[in-house]
Amino acid sequence: SEALATLSENETSLRAKLLARLAEALHPVDPAEAIELTDQALKLVRLAPDEDALTTVLAARHMALINVEHHRERFEVGSSWVALAERRRRGLVTALTWRVYDLIERGDPPDVDHAREVRRRLADLGDELQQPWYWHFAASLEAKWLLMEGQFAEAENKAQQGYAYGTRAQGTHVALLLAGQHF
């Protein structure tokens, strides 16, 4: 909030990014305020198109809409986010990972199949770019599917593989994710 007060009105891209980051920080305690902040950020980024700012705002908007009651809009925001990340080749792992979440939440068999394709895409991108972070998400998502299918030994192996890749990529949440998968 203090940083926003220091900006001039014509610093629209930076203002949009700060509103987005504030929305992400406030989301757990005030989801309605987070939605309002991302509304403001979207208006700003439309005034002065900036793909970097738009990527930040779409990610924050997606988070602000994480409650299932906002699923339809979140799905549309996620589609725009993935398309932009694909074009820019920045932030793609995060956008694709949330795309899997959104597709599974819908629960339709074609969406679940599409989610598996997205997971495979993460693995392929990891191979192409030699990025353990992509491999981490791909393996962790596969572990979730294996758990849902009752293939517990295979799920354990995939979860450990995801943990190893995530640790190699210096991910901060990998131990927590592994603990959740074990639970």
Protein backbone atom coordinates (compact mmCIF):
# COMPACT_ATOMS: atom_id res chain seq x y z
CA SER A 1 0.00 0.00 0.00
CA GLU A 2 2.79 2.41 0.88
CA ALA A 3 4.59 1.76 -2.40
CA LEU A 4 1.42 2.51 -4.35
CA ALA A 5 1.17 5.91 -2.66
CA THR A 6 4.62 6.87 -3.95
CA LEU A 7 3.79 6.29 -7.64
CA SER A 8 2.64 8.95 -10.03
CA GLU A 9 -0.61 8.36 -11.90
CA ASN A 10 1.18 7.78 -15.19
CA GLU A 11 3.18 4.80 -13.87
CA THR A 12 0.36 2.47 -14.88
CA SER A 13 2.37 -0.72 -15.49
CA LEU A 14 4.17 -0.55 -12.17
CA ARG A 15 0.94 0.41 -10.38
CA ALA A 16 -0.82 -2.59 -11.98
CA LYS A 17 1.99 -4.94 -10.84
CA LEU A 18 1.92 -3.58 -7.30
CA LEU A 19 -1.87 -3.92 -7.11
CA ALA A 20 -1.52 -7.51 -8.34
CA ARG A 21 1.13 -8.38 -5.75
CA LEU A 22 -0.92 -6.74 -3.00
CA ALA A 23 -3.92 -8.80 -4.12
CA GLU A 24 -1.87 -12.00 -3.87
CA ALA A 25 -0.74 -11.07 -0.36
CA LEU A 26 -4.25 -10.16 0.79
CA HIS A 27 -6.05 -13.08 -0.83
CA PRO A 28 -5.83 -15.47 2.14
CA VAL A 29 -7.28 -12.90 4.56
CA ASP A 30 -9.56 -10.81 2.33
CA PRO A 31 -10.53 -12.53 -0.93
CA ALA A 32 -13.06 -9.83 -1.86
CA GLU A 33 -10.40 -7.12 -1.55
CA ALA A 34 -8.03 -9.22 -3.67
CA ILE A 35 -10.65 -9.41 -6.42
CA GLU A 36 -11.21 -5.65 -6.24
CA LEU A 37 -7.47 -4.97 -6.44
CA THR A 38 -7.11 -7.19 -9.50
CA ASP A 39 -10.09 -5.43 -11.09
CA GLN A 40 -8.19 -2.16 -10.68
CA ALA A 41 -4.98 -3.72 -11.99
CA LEU A 42 -6.74 -5.09 -15.08
CA LYS A 43 -8.19 -1.66 -15.86
CA LEU A 44 -4.74 -0.10 -15.60
CA VAL A 45 -3.02 -2.67 -17.77
CA ARG A 46 -5.66 -2.15 -20.46
CA LEU A 47 -4.86 1.58 -20.47
CA ALA A 48 -1.17 1.01 -21.10
CA PRO A 49 -0.67 -2.47 -22.56
CA ASP A 50 2.43 -4.09 -21.10
CA GLU A 51 2.77 -7.87 -21.42
CA ASP A 52 4.96 -8.17 -18.35
CA ALA A 53 2.41 -6.31 -16.24
CA LEU A 54 -0.45 -8.27 -17.82
CA THR A 55 1.23 -11.58 -16.95
CA THR A 56 1.60 -10.48 -13.33
CA VAL A 57 -2.00 -9.25 -13.18
CA LEU A 58 -3.46 -12.41 -14.77
CA ALA A 59 -1.57 -14.60 -12.29
CA ALA A 60 -2.87 -12.52 -9.38
CA ARG A 61 -6.40 -12.48 -10.77
CA HIS A 62 -6.29 -16.26 -11.07
CA MET A 63 -5.26 -16.52 -7.42
CA ALA A 64 -7.93 -14.04 -6.33
CA LEU A 65 -10.57 -16.19 -8.04
CA ILE A 66 -9.36 -19.48 -6.54
CA ASN A 67 -12.66 -20.15 -4.73
CA VAL A 68 -14.80 -22.65 -6.65
CA GLU A 69 -17.64 -20.12 -6.93
CA HIS A 70 -15.44 -18.16 -9.36
CA HIS A 71 -14.38 -21.18 -11.39
CA ARG A 72 -15.87 -20.08 -14.71
CA GLU A 73 -14.11 -16.69 -14.69
CA ARG A 74 -10.90 -18.24 -13.30
CA PHE A 75 -10.92 -20.74 -16.17
CA GLU A 76 -11.15 -17.88 -18.69
CA VAL A 77 -8.40 -15.92 -16.91
CA GLY A 78 -6.27 -19.07 -16.88
CA SER A 79 -6.77 -19.52 -20.62
CA SER A 80 -5.55 -15.97 -21.26
CA TRP A 81 -2.65 -16.44 -18.85
CA VAL A 82 -1.49 -19.66 -20.54
CA ALA A 83 -1.77 -18.09 -24.02
CA LEU A 84 0.30 -15.10 -22.94
CA ALA A 85 2.88 -17.27 -21.16
CA GLU A 86 3.14 -19.50 -24.25
CA ARG A 87 3.77 -16.51 -26.48
CA ARG A 88 6.30 -14.91 -24.12
CA ARG A 89 7.88 -18.18 -22.91
CA ARG A 90 7.92 -16.68 -19.40
CA GLY A 91 6.00 -17.95 -16.40
CA LEU A 92 4.80 -20.91 -18.43
CA VAL A 93 5.40 -23.58 -15.78
CA THR A 94 3.19 -21.76 -13.28
CA ALA A 95 0.46 -21.02 -15.79
CA LEU A 96 0.40 -24.63 -17.04
CA THR A 97 0.41 -26.07 -13.53
CA TRP A 98 -2.61 -23.96 -12.58
CA ARG A 99 -4.24 -24.96 -15.87
CA VAL A 100 -4.07 -28.59 -14.76
CA TYR A 101 -5.70 -27.61 -11.45
CA ASP A 102 -8.50 -25.76 -13.26
CA LEU A 103 -9.14 -28.60 -15.68
CA ILE A 104 -9.30 -31.24 -12.94
CA GLU A 105 -11.60 -29.06 -10.86
CA ARG A 106 -14.12 -29.03 -13.72
CA GLY A 107 -14.20 -32.83 -13.44
CA ASP A 108 -15.33 -33.58 -16.99
CA PRO A 109 -13.53 -36.60 -18.51
CA PRO A 110 -12.35 -34.61 -21.57
CA ASP A 111 -10.95 -31.93 -19.25
CA VAL A 112 -9.13 -34.53 -17.17
CA ASP A 113 -7.63 -35.98 -20.36
CA HIS A 114 -6.59 -32.47 -21.40
CA ALA A 115 -5.02 -31.97 -17.96
CA ARG A 116 -2.90 -35.08 -18.54
CA GLU A 117 -1.78 -33.62 -21.88
CA VAL A 118 -0.79 -30.39 -20.14
CA ARG A 119 1.19 -32.40 -17.57
CA ARG A 120 2.99 -34.18 -20.40
CA ARG A 121 3.68 -30.79 -21.97
CA LEU A 122 5.41 -29.72 -18.75
CA ALA A 123 7.61 -32.81 -18.90
CA ASP A 124 8.40 -32.19 -22.58
CA LEU A 125 9.29 -28.56 -21.86
CA GLY A 126 11.54 -29.74 -19.05
CA ASP A 127 13.32 -32.03 -21.50
CA GLU A 128 13.55 -29.31 -24.15
CA LEU A 129 14.82 -26.64 -21.77
CA GLN A 130 16.63 -29.00 -19.35
CA GLN A 131 14.70 -27.41 -16.47
CA PRO A 132 14.29 -29.50 -13.32
CA TRP A 133 11.54 -27.11 -12.18
CA TYR A 134 9.30 -28.25 -15.06
CA TRP A 135 10.17 -31.89 -14.34
CA HIS A 136 9.28 -31.30 -10.68
CA PHE A 137 5.78 -30.14 -11.50
CA ALA A 138 5.23 -32.83 -14.12
CA ALA A 139 6.31 -35.61 -11.73
CA SER A 140 4.31 -34.16 -8.83
CA LEU A 141 1.17 -33.94 -10.96
CA GLU A 142 1.66 -37.49 -12.18
CA ALA A 143 2.00 -38.62 -8.54
CA LYS A 144 -1.41 -37.07 -7.84
CA TRP A 145 -3.01 -39.02 -10.69
CA LEU A 146 -1.41 -42.23 -9.53
CA LEU A 147 -2.72 -41.59 -6.01
CA MET A 148 -6.24 -41.01 -7.33
CA GLU A 149 -5.99 -44.28 -9.27
CA GLY A 150 -4.88 -46.18 -6.15
CA GLN A 151 -1.41 -46.94 -7.53
CA PHE A 152 0.33 -46.08 -4.28
CA ALA A 153 3.78 -47.58 -4.87
CA GLU A 154 4.06 -45.87 -8.27
CA ALA A 155 2.75 -42.64 -6.73
CA GLU A 156 5.42 -42.80 -4.02
CA ASN A 157 8.15 -43.24 -6.63
CA LYS A 158 6.84 -40.34 -8.72
CA ALA A 159 6.45 -38.12 -5.63
CA GLN A 160 10.08 -38.85 -4.65
CA GLN A 161 11.17 -38.09 -8.21
CA GLY A 162 9.26 -34.78 -8.11
CA TYR A 163 10.88 -33.97 -4.78
CA ALA A 164 14.35 -34.67 -6.17
CA TYR A 165 13.75 -32.42 -9.18
CA GLY A 166 12.23 -29.71 -7.01
CA THR A 167 15.16 -29.82 -4.59
CA ARG A 168 17.59 -29.63 -7.51
CA ALA A 169 15.68 -26.56 -8.75
CA GLN A 170 15.87 -25.08 -5.23
CA GLY A 171 12.09 -24.93 -4.88
CA THR A 172 10.87 -23.63 -1.55
CA HIS A 173 7.70 -25.70 -1.29
CA VAL A 174 8.94 -29.14 -2.34
CA ALA A 175 9.15 -30.67 1.15
CA LEU A 176 5.64 -29.47 1.94
CA LEU A 177 4.31 -30.90 -1.33
CA LEU A 178 5.96 -34.25 -0.66
CA ALA A 179 4.51 -34.32 2.88
CA GLY A 180 1.06 -33.61 1.45
CA GLN A 181 1.43 -36.43 -1.06
CA HIS A 182 2.48 -38.82 1.71
CA PHE A 183 -0.50 -37.77 3.80
